[in-house]
Amino acid sequence: MTTTWKITVKDPESGAWIDTGTPLTTTETTRTFDFVTPTTYLVNPAYGDS
C-alpha cells in the first residue's frame, strides 16, 4: 500500500500554517490485508442522544 500525505507545519513564532508543497509518500510492503466495508461512527458529543 502506498499513501501520499500533504504536509502542513505551524511556524512556532508567527503561528502561521505553512504548506511545504512537497507531498510525503510512504509505502508498506510487510504484509497483505483485505479491505472491508468501513463503518462510520459519530463521535461529537454535541450530536449525541437528546
C-alpha atoms as a PDB file:
ATOM      1  CA  MET A   1       0.000   0.000   0.000  1.00  0.00           C
ATOM      2  CA  THR A   2       1.284   3.452  -0.861  1.00  0.00           C
ATOM      3  CA  THR A   3      -0.014   6.530   0.938  1.00  0.00           C
ATOM      4  CA  THR A   4       0.676  10.139  -0.005  1.00  0.00           C
ATOM      5  CA  TRP A   5       0.474  12.797   2.709  1.00  0.00           C
ATOM      6  CA  LYS A   6       0.047  16.574   2.371  1.00  0.00           C
ATOM      7  CA  ILE A   7       2.468  18.242   4.766  1.00  0.00           C
ATOM      8  CA  THR A   8       1.491  21.406   6.633  1.00  0.00           C
ATOM      9  CA  VAL A   9       3.524  22.757   9.543  1.00  0.00           C
ATOM     10  CA  LYS A  10       2.897  25.580  12.004  1.00  0.00           C
ATOM     11  CA  ASP A  11       5.558  28.257  12.443  1.00  0.00           C
ATOM     12  CA  PRO A  12       6.123  28.450  16.227  1.00  0.00           C
ATOM     13  CA  GLU A  13       6.925  32.178  16.136  1.00  0.00           C
ATOM     14  CA  SER A  14       4.264  33.598  13.807  1.00  0.00           C
ATOM     15  CA  GLY A  15       1.632  30.904  14.287  1.00  0.00           C
ATOM     16  CA  ALA A  16       1.156  30.775  10.505  1.00  0.00           C
ATOM     17  CA  TRP A  17       0.422  27.445   8.816  1.00  0.00           C
ATOM     18  CA  ILE A  18       2.871  26.639   6.010  1.00  0.00           C
ATOM     19  CA  ASP A  19       2.198  24.130   3.223  1.00  0.00           C
ATOM     20  CA  THR A  20       5.531  22.530   2.303  1.00  0.00           C
ATOM     21  CA  GLY A  21       4.340  21.999  -1.270  1.00  0.00           C
ATOM     22  CA  THR A  22       6.062  18.616  -1.458  1.00  0.00           C
ATOM     23  CA  PRO A  23       3.966  15.569  -0.536  1.00  0.00           C
ATOM     24  CA  LEU A  24       5.418  12.738   1.534  1.00  0.00           C
ATOM     25  CA  THR A  25       4.895   9.215   0.240  1.00  0.00           C
ATOM     26  CA  THR A  26       5.132   6.120   2.438  1.00  0.00           C
ATOM     27  CA  THR A  27       4.972   2.511   1.290  1.00  0.00           C
ATOM     28  CA  GLU A  28       4.036  -0.536   3.372  1.00  0.00           C
ATOM     29  CA  THR A  29       5.268  -3.851   1.995  1.00  0.00           C
ATOM     30  CA  THR A  30       5.462  -6.173   5.021  1.00  0.00           C
ATOM     31  CA  ARG A  31       2.124  -7.983   4.594  1.00  0.00           C
ATOM     32  CA  THR A  32      -1.089  -8.046   2.612  1.00  0.00           C
ATOM     33  CA  PHE A  33      -4.547  -7.361   4.009  1.00  0.00           C
ATOM     34  CA  ASP A  34      -8.125  -7.228   2.774  1.00  0.00           C
ATOM     35  CA  PHE A  35     -10.139  -4.038   2.527  1.00  0.00           C
ATOM     36  CA  VAL A  36     -13.596  -4.322   4.054  1.00  0.00           C
ATOM     37  CA  THR A  37     -16.634  -2.061   4.112  1.00  0.00           C
ATOM     38  CA  PRO A  38     -15.933   0.767   6.586  1.00  0.00           C
ATOM     39  CA  THR A  39     -18.328   1.563   9.419  1.00  0.00           C
ATOM     40  CA  THR A  40     -18.583   5.212  10.479  1.00  0.00           C
ATOM     41  CA  TYR A  41     -19.387   6.461  13.963  1.00  0.00           C
ATOM     42  CA  LEU A  42     -20.493   9.909  15.105  1.00  0.00           C
ATOM     43  CA  VAL A  43     -18.087  10.918  17.859  1.00  0.00           C
ATOM     44  CA  ASN A  44     -19.052  14.543  18.547  1.00  0.00           C
ATOM     45  CA  PRO A  45     -20.932  14.500  21.880  1.00  0.00           C
ATOM     46  CA  ALA A  46     -22.868  17.631  20.850  1.00  0.00           C
ATOM     47  CA  TYR A  47     -24.805  15.401  18.449  1.00  0.00           C
ATOM     48  CA  GLY A  48     -25.466  12.576  20.894  1.00  0.00           C
ATOM     49  CA  ASP A  49     -28.794  11.291  22.195  1.00  0.00           C
ATOM     50  CA  SER A  50     -31.236  14.032  23.163  1.00  0.00           C
END
